[in-house]
Amino acid sequence: MSTLKPGVVTGDDYKTLLAAAKSGGYALPAVNIVSTNSANAVLEAAALAGADVIIQLSNGGAEFFAGKGMADKHQAKVLGAVSAARHIHLLAEHYGVCVVLHTDHANKKLIPWVEGMLDHGEAEYERTGKPLFTSHMLDLSAESLDFNLSECKRILERMSKIGMSLEIELGVTGGEEDGVGHDLDDTADNSKLYTQPTDVLRAYELLDPIGHFSVAASFGNVHGVYKPGNVKLRPEILRDSQALVKERHATADKPLDLVFHGGSGSEEEKIREAVSYGVFKMNIDTDTQFAFAEPIGAYVEANPVAFKHQIDPDTGAPYKKIYDPRAWLRKCEQGMVARLQDAFEVLGAKGRSLAKD
């Protein structure tokens, strides 16, 4: 089995990680972060599970990382992403796992955000021989297929020069992810929620000669958590896409690197089926947001006076140790760490880290 140095992986090391996941029949959770607390929780969870992991930021998560008080919102999105990347680069190797560093859902209006991050990535590559991020995503699924693929081609030509990968979206993932979304009837058999394998083939033929890319192909998946029965997953679309590319281009099995968006709340059986068809990455955000938030609710309920008075009005006892942010933020981190253990288990990634000192 291949081994990699712990830390953020890029270029050929990233491809090695994906190949190991696909050949080993497992996938990595891709967890959205918004702060050092959530970033550290993901690193801790991966180390505890002995698993590699994908850490990603949406545009809003990047802006929050920079601070909502920054007046220039575009600059905040770019610099927040850069700041998070530097934080993770600094710490990841010390947690002893491999980390894929990624940015999530950039629609047409957010192309300048991706290009701004690439400016920093190219400068980093000049200094160190490695980019800041492993990959970025362009979600142009709301546009025409021609525009989607032409822009993906243009951006990938730039990214491939510094060893970066591009994630694209074909078809539409329902629901909404940090301001990028689609108002679809998620309870209907809506054709927009199901990617056509012929579109995937077209993307492969255009992009594969340029550089590495992955595909978020829609198979009924929806962002967010819905009551059972509302989301009708059809992972066989992934199987058929792989088969079509293999047939037309005489490739090895599962030539496509596939991504599962909207993983929160999905049935374990459907998750495992999707992984068997070459999904190496499953996005998880809604569930980890709740896992981060739930402990603070319980903590405040258990210590109500401490969040209204610095000193107990009856006894005069100080409450500093209780309302100290380190006390309750640690509870939040632990909640996220625990939820991610389930994700590593379901995706088959537990104990499968390629990292070796």
Protein backbone atom coordinates (compact mmCIF):
# COMPACT_ATOMS: atom_id res chain seq x y z
CA MET A 1 0.00 0.00 0.00
CA SER A 2 1.24 3.49 -0.85
CA THR A 3 2.11 5.80 1.99
CA LEU A 4 2.21 9.58 2.08
CA LYS A 5 3.69 12.21 4.33
CA PRO A 6 1.11 13.57 6.81
CA GLY A 7 -0.27 16.99 6.00
CA VAL A 8 -2.05 18.70 3.12
CA VAL A 9 -1.76 16.66 -0.09
CA THR A 10 -1.66 18.13 -3.60
CA GLY A 11 -0.80 17.04 -7.13
CA ASP A 12 0.27 13.42 -7.52
CA ASP A 13 -0.14 12.75 -3.79
CA TYR A 14 -3.80 13.73 -4.09
CA LYS A 15 -4.23 11.31 -7.01
CA THR A 16 -2.59 8.58 -4.92
CA LEU A 17 -5.07 9.23 -2.11
CA LEU A 18 -8.05 9.03 -4.49
CA ALA A 19 -6.77 5.87 -6.14
CA ALA A 20 -6.39 4.21 -2.73
CA ALA A 21 -9.94 5.15 -1.75
CA LYS A 22 -11.46 3.87 -4.98
CA SER A 23 -9.46 0.64 -5.06
CA GLY A 24 -10.11 0.11 -1.36
CA GLY A 25 -13.85 0.68 -1.69
CA TYR A 26 -14.07 3.60 0.72
CA ALA A 27 -14.64 7.35 0.58
CA LEU A 28 -13.55 10.36 2.60
CA PRO A 29 -15.91 12.78 4.32
CA ALA A 30 -15.58 16.36 3.05
CA VAL A 31 -16.40 18.61 6.00
CA ASN A 32 -17.19 22.31 5.74
CA ILE A 33 -15.48 24.55 8.29
CA VAL A 34 -16.04 28.16 9.34
CA SER A 35 -13.46 28.70 12.08
CA THR A 36 -10.33 27.34 13.71
CA ASN A 37 -12.61 25.46 16.11
CA SER A 38 -14.35 23.52 13.36
CA ALA A 39 -11.06 23.03 11.47
CA ASN A 40 -9.37 21.65 14.58
CA ALA A 41 -12.35 19.40 15.29
CA VAL A 42 -12.06 17.83 11.83
CA LEU A 43 -8.32 17.25 12.28
CA GLU A 44 -8.91 15.73 15.72
CA ALA A 45 -11.68 13.50 14.38
CA ALA A 46 -9.51 12.23 11.53
CA ALA A 47 -6.60 11.50 13.87
CA LEU A 48 -8.91 9.64 16.26
CA ALA A 49 -10.32 7.56 13.40
CA GLY A 50 -6.91 6.92 11.81
CA ALA A 51 -8.40 8.26 8.59
CA ASP A 52 -7.59 10.84 5.96
CA VAL A 53 -10.09 13.64 5.45
CA ILE A 54 -11.21 16.48 3.19
CA ILE A 55 -11.59 19.94 4.71
CA GLN A 56 -13.44 22.51 2.66
CA LEU A 57 -14.77 26.06 2.81
CA SER A 58 -17.78 27.59 1.15
CA ASN A 59 -17.59 31.26 0.19
CA GLY A 60 -19.55 32.19 3.32
CA GLY A 61 -17.37 29.98 5.49
CA ALA A 62 -14.28 31.68 4.09
CA GLU A 63 -15.78 35.13 4.72
CA PHE A 64 -16.65 34.14 8.30
CA PHE A 65 -13.10 32.89 8.82
CA ALA A 66 -11.82 36.36 7.89
CA GLY A 67 -14.37 38.07 10.12
CA LYS A 68 -17.79 39.48 9.26
CA GLY A 69 -16.52 42.94 10.16
CA MET A 70 -14.32 43.18 7.07
CA ALA A 71 -15.92 45.75 4.79
CA ASP A 72 -14.72 44.32 1.47
CA LYS A 73 -16.73 41.10 1.22
CA HIS A 74 -14.89 39.77 -1.82
CA GLN A 75 -11.56 40.36 -0.12
CA ALA A 76 -12.88 38.68 3.03
CA LYS A 77 -13.85 35.57 1.06
CA VAL A 78 -10.42 35.35 -0.56
CA LEU A 79 -8.33 36.16 2.52
CA GLY A 80 -10.48 34.03 4.81
CA ALA A 81 -9.85 31.04 2.56
CA VAL A 82 -6.12 31.80 2.47
CA SER A 83 -6.00 32.20 6.26
CA ALA A 84 -7.80 28.88 6.79
CA ALA A 85 -5.46 27.17 4.34
CA ARG A 86 -2.38 28.43 6.16
CA HIS A 87 -3.81 27.33 9.51
CA ILE A 88 -4.47 23.83 8.20
CA HIS A 89 -1.09 23.56 6.45
CA LEU A 90 0.60 24.45 9.73
CA LEU A 91 -1.27 21.92 11.87
CA ALA A 92 -2.30 19.03 9.62
CA GLU A 93 1.02 17.17 9.60
CA HIS A 94 1.11 17.27 13.40
CA TYR A 95 -2.23 15.45 13.58
CA GLY A 96 -0.63 12.64 11.58
CA VAL A 97 -3.18 12.32 8.76
CA CYS A 98 -3.45 13.36 5.12
CA VAL A 99 -5.74 16.29 4.41
CA VAL A 100 -7.30 17.35 1.14
CA LEU A 101 -7.92 21.11 1.19
CA HIS A 102 -10.83 22.19 -0.98
CA THR A 103 -13.30 25.01 -1.59
CA ASP A 104 -16.97 24.32 -2.18
CA HIS A 105 -19.71 25.52 -4.58
CA ALA A 106 -18.60 28.55 -6.58
CA ASN A 107 -21.31 29.58 -9.02
CA LYS A 108 -20.97 32.08 -11.88
CA LYS A 109 -20.89 35.17 -9.66
CA LEU A 110 -18.21 33.54 -7.48
CA ILE A 111 -15.74 32.82 -10.29
CA PRO A 112 -13.75 35.92 -9.20
CA TRP A 113 -13.46 34.33 -5.72
CA VAL A 114 -11.86 31.23 -7.26
CA GLU A 115 -9.56 33.37 -9.38
CA GLY A 116 -8.57 35.44 -6.33
CA MET A 117 -7.63 32.28 -4.44
CA LEU A 118 -5.68 31.08 -7.47
CA ASP A 119 -3.64 34.29 -7.41
CA HIS A 120 -2.50 33.32 -3.90
CA GLY A 121 -2.09 29.68 -4.91
CA GLU A 122 0.19 30.57 -7.80
CA ALA A 123 2.30 32.81 -5.58
CA GLU A 124 2.58 29.99 -3.03
CA TYR A 125 3.60 27.58 -5.78
CA GLU A 126 6.35 29.96 -6.88
CA ARG A 127 7.69 30.06 -3.31
CA THR A 128 7.28 26.44 -2.23
CA GLY A 129 6.51 24.26 -5.24
CA LYS A 130 3.05 23.49 -3.82
CA PRO A 131 -0.27 25.35 -4.12
CA LEU A 132 -2.26 26.48 -1.08
CA PHE A 133 -5.27 24.32 -1.93
CA THR A 134 -5.60 20.83 -3.30
CA SER A 135 -8.63 21.70 -5.38
CA HIS A 136 -11.41 24.20 -6.00
CA MET A 137 -14.98 23.64 -7.16
CA LEU A 138 -16.89 25.39 -9.90
CA ASP A 139 -20.63 24.83 -9.63
CA LEU A 140 -21.97 26.18 -12.92
CA SER A 141 -24.84 23.71 -13.06
CA ALA A 142 -27.37 26.58 -13.22
CA GLU A 143 -25.81 27.72 -16.52
CA SER A 144 -25.89 26.07 -19.94
CA LEU A 145 -23.77 22.96 -20.33
CA ASP A 146 -21.67 24.75 -22.95
CA PHE A 147 -20.84 27.62 -20.57
CA ASN A 148 -20.30 25.23 -17.66
CA LEU A 149 -17.73 23.16 -19.52
CA SER A 150 -15.99 26.04 -21.29
CA GLU A 151 -15.40 27.88 -17.99
CA CYS A 152 -14.28 24.66 -16.30
CA LYS A 153 -11.80 24.16 -19.14
CA ARG A 154 -10.47 27.71 -18.79
CA ILE A 155 -10.00 27.45 -15.03
CA LEU A 156 -8.55 23.93 -15.15
CA GLU A 157 -5.93 25.06 -17.67
CA ARG A 158 -4.73 27.55 -15.07
CA MET A 159 -4.99 25.16 -12.12
CA SER A 160 -3.24 22.22 -13.74
CA LYS A 161 -0.06 24.28 -14.10
CA ILE A 162 0.35 24.34 -10.31
CA GLY A 163 -0.76 20.77 -9.58
CA MET A 164 -4.34 21.54 -8.59
CA SER A 165 -7.53 19.63 -9.32
CA LEU A 166 -10.95 20.99 -10.29
CA GLU A 167 -14.29 19.70 -9.06
CA ILE A 168 -17.21 20.32 -11.42
CA GLU A 169 -20.96 19.86 -11.05
CA LEU A 170 -23.14 18.34 -13.75
CA GLY A 171 -26.86 18.29 -13.15
CA VAL A 172 -28.30 20.04 -10.15
CA THR A 173 -27.98 19.17 -6.48
CA GLY A 174 -31.23 20.36 -4.94
CA GLY A 175 -31.56 22.57 -1.89
CA GLU A 176 -29.16 25.35 -0.98
CA GLU A 177 -25.53 25.48 0.15
CA ASP A 178 -24.39 28.83 1.53
CA GLY A 179 -26.21 30.98 -0.99
CA VAL A 180 -25.62 28.66 -3.94
CA GLY A 181 -28.66 26.57 -4.68
CA HIS A 182 -31.62 25.68 -6.81
CA ASP A 183 -35.31 26.07 -6.08
CA LEU A 184 -36.50 22.67 -7.19
CA ASP A 185 -39.25 20.38 -6.03
CA ASP A 186 -37.12 17.89 -4.13
CA THR A 187 -40.08 15.52 -3.69
CA ALA A 188 -40.64 15.12 -7.44
CA ASP A 189 -38.84 12.93 -9.97
CA ASN A 190 -37.29 16.09 -11.40
CA SER A 191 -35.00 15.40 -14.35
CA LYS A 192 -32.73 18.30 -13.34
CA LEU A 193 -31.78 16.34 -10.21
CA TYR A 194 -30.38 13.50 -12.31
CA THR A 195 -27.24 13.96 -14.41
CA GLN A 196 -27.17 12.43 -17.88
CA PRO A 197 -24.23 10.03 -18.42
CA THR A 198 -23.73 11.55 -21.90
CA ASP A 199 -23.01 14.92 -20.27
CA VAL A 200 -20.43 13.27 -18.03
CA LEU A 201 -18.82 11.71 -21.11
CA ARG A 202 -18.65 15.12 -22.77
CA ALA A 203 -16.96 16.60 -19.70
CA TYR A 204 -14.44 13.75 -19.59
CA GLU A 205 -13.52 14.19 -23.24
CA LEU A 206 -12.96 17.93 -22.83
CA LEU A 207 -11.22 18.05 -19.44
CA ASP A 208 -9.25 14.82 -19.07
CA PRO A 209 -6.56 15.87 -21.59
CA ILE A 210 -5.99 19.09 -19.61
CA GLY A 211 -5.62 17.93 -16.03
CA HIS A 212 -7.20 16.19 -13.09
CA PHE A 213 -10.85 16.80 -12.32
CA SER A 214 -13.63 15.22 -10.29
CA VAL A 215 -17.36 15.20 -10.98
CA ALA A 216 -20.24 15.99 -8.67
CA ALA A 217 -22.86 14.19 -10.72
CA SER A 218 -26.40 14.60 -9.44
CA PHE A 219 -28.31 11.42 -8.72
CA GLY A 220 -31.19 12.89 -6.73
CA ASN A 221 -29.05 14.19 -3.87
CA VAL A 222 -30.17 17.32 -2.01
CA HIS A 223 -28.38 19.68 0.37
CA GLY A 224 -29.77 19.64 3.88
CA VAL A 225 -31.72 17.07 5.87
CA TYR A 226 -35.27 16.10 4.92
CA LYS A 227 -37.84 13.69 6.27
CA PRO A 228 -37.46 10.08 5.05
CA GLY A 229 -38.80 9.52 1.55
CA ASN A 230 -38.37 13.07 0.29
CA VAL A 231 -35.03 12.41 -1.36
CA LYS A 232 -34.96 9.69 -4.02
CA LEU A 233 -31.35 8.72 -4.65
CA ARG A 234 -30.47 6.85 -7.84
CA PRO A 235 -26.77 5.87 -7.55
CA GLU A 236 -27.08 3.74 -10.68
CA ILE A 237 -26.56 7.00 -12.63
CA LEU A 238 -22.98 6.97 -11.32
CA ARG A 239 -22.54 3.36 -12.41
CA ASP A 240 -23.85 4.12 -15.89
CA SER A 241 -21.61 7.19 -16.26
CA GLN A 242 -18.53 5.13 -15.38
CA ALA A 243 -19.56 2.40 -17.82
CA LEU A 244 -20.12 4.84 -20.69
CA VAL A 245 -16.71 6.49 -20.34
CA LYS A 246 -15.00 3.11 -20.03
CA GLU A 247 -16.77 1.80 -23.14
CA ARG A 248 -16.05 4.85 -25.32
CA HIS A 249 -12.41 5.28 -24.29
CA ALA A 250 -11.31 1.76 -23.33
CA THR A 251 -10.25 2.89 -19.87
CA ALA A 252 -9.80 0.86 -16.71
CA ASP A 253 -12.80 0.33 -14.46
CA LYS A 254 -14.27 3.44 -12.79
CA PRO A 255 -12.27 6.03 -14.73
CA LEU A 256 -14.17 8.92 -13.13
CA ASP A 257 -13.45 10.35 -9.68
CA LEU A 258 -16.95 11.00 -8.36
CA VAL A 259 -18.28 13.21 -5.58
CA PHE A 260 -21.44 12.83 -3.48
CA HIS A 261 -22.92 16.20 -2.55
CA GLY A 262 -25.71 16.51 0.01
CA GLY A 263 -24.55 13.55 2.08
CA SER A 264 -26.14 14.66 5.38
CA GLY A 265 -29.16 12.53 6.26
CA SER A 266 -28.65 10.03 3.43
CA GLU A 267 -29.43 6.34 3.84
CA GLU A 268 -26.38 4.24 4.66
CA GLU A 269 -27.30 1.68 2.01
CA LYS A 270 -27.36 4.36 -0.72
CA ILE A 271 -24.11 5.85 0.53
CA ARG A 272 -22.36 2.50 0.31
CA GLU A 273 -23.81 1.84 -3.14
CA ALA A 274 -22.56 5.23 -4.38
CA VAL A 275 -19.09 4.49 -2.98
CA SER A 276 -19.06 1.16 -4.81
CA TYR A 277 -19.47 3.06 -8.09
CA GLY A 278 -16.37 5.20 -7.57
CA VAL A 279 -17.42 7.97 -5.18
CA PHE A 280 -14.30 8.96 -3.22
CA LYS A 281 -15.74 12.03 -1.46
CA MET A 282 -19.00 12.70 0.38
CA ASN A 283 -19.85 16.21 1.52
CA ILE A 284 -21.17 16.57 5.05
CA ASP A 285 -22.12 19.95 6.49
CA THR A 286 -25.67 20.04 7.86
CA ASP A 287 -25.07 17.13 10.23
CA THR A 288 -21.77 18.50 11.52
CA GLN A 289 -23.29 21.95 12.02
CA PHE A 290 -25.92 20.38 14.27
CA ALA A 291 -23.32 18.23 16.03
CA PHE A 292 -21.32 21.40 16.77
CA ALA A 293 -24.38 23.35 17.98
CA GLU A 294 -26.23 20.77 20.05
CA PRO A 295 -23.70 20.59 22.94
CA ILE A 296 -23.76 24.33 23.54
CA GLY A 297 -27.54 24.26 23.86
CA ALA A 298 -27.28 21.52 26.48
CA TYR A 299 -24.43 23.33 28.25
CA VAL A 300 -26.35 26.60 28.53
CA GLU A 301 -29.44 24.78 29.77
CA ALA A 302 -27.32 23.07 32.44
CA ASN A 303 -25.70 26.35 33.51
CA PRO A 304 -28.33 29.03 32.94
CA VAL A 305 -27.23 31.43 35.68
CA ALA A 306 -23.63 31.51 34.43
CA PHE A 307 -24.82 32.96 31.13
CA LYS A 308 -26.75 35.75 32.81
CA HIS A 309 -24.45 36.70 35.70
CA GLN A 310 -20.68 36.76 36.08
CA ILE A 311 -21.15 36.15 39.83
CA ASP A 312 -23.98 34.12 41.36
CA PRO A 313 -26.51 36.65 42.70
CA ASP A 314 -27.25 34.49 45.73
CA THR A 315 -23.91 32.93 46.72
CA GLY A 316 -21.43 35.34 45.16
CA ALA A 317 -19.57 32.44 43.50
CA PRO A 318 -17.78 33.43 40.27
CA TYR A 319 -18.81 31.71 37.05
CA LYS A 320 -15.74 32.54 34.97
CA LYS A 321 -14.70 28.92 34.44
CA ILE A 322 -18.17 28.10 33.12
CA TYR A 323 -18.69 30.96 30.65
CA ASP A 324 -15.06 30.92 29.50
CA PRO A 325 -15.39 30.33 25.73
CA ARG A 326 -12.83 27.55 25.92
CA ALA A 327 -15.22 25.54 28.10
CA TRP A 328 -18.24 25.59 25.79
CA LEU A 329 -16.39 25.73 22.47
CA ARG A 330 -14.60 22.55 23.48
CA LYS A 331 -18.00 20.89 23.98
CA CYS A 332 -18.89 21.94 20.42
CA GLU A 333 -15.66 20.50 19.04
CA GLN A 334 -16.25 17.22 20.85
CA GLY A 335 -19.76 16.98 19.41
CA MET A 336 -18.39 17.39 15.90
CA VAL A 337 -15.60 14.89 16.52
CA ALA A 338 -18.11 12.29 17.70
CA ARG A 339 -20.42 12.77 14.68
CA LEU A 340 -17.52 12.41 12.29
CA GLN A 341 -16.59 9.03 13.76
CA ASP A 342 -19.90 7.77 12.36
CA ALA A 343 -19.09 9.28 8.97
CA PHE A 344 -15.66 7.62 8.79
CA GLU A 345 -17.27 4.32 9.76
CA VAL A 346 -20.10 4.45 7.21
CA LEU A 347 -17.76 5.53 4.41
CA GLY A 348 -15.31 2.74 5.26
CA ALA A 349 -12.43 5.18 5.82
CA LYS A 350 -11.72 4.38 9.47
CA GLY A 351 -8.19 3.08 9.98
CA ARG A 352 -7.32 3.57 6.29
CA SER A 353 -5.04 6.62 6.46
CA LEU A 354 -2.12 6.60 4.03
CA ALA A 355 -0.12 8.91 6.28
CA LYS A 356 3.19 7.59 7.49
CA ASP A 357 6.00 9.51 9.20
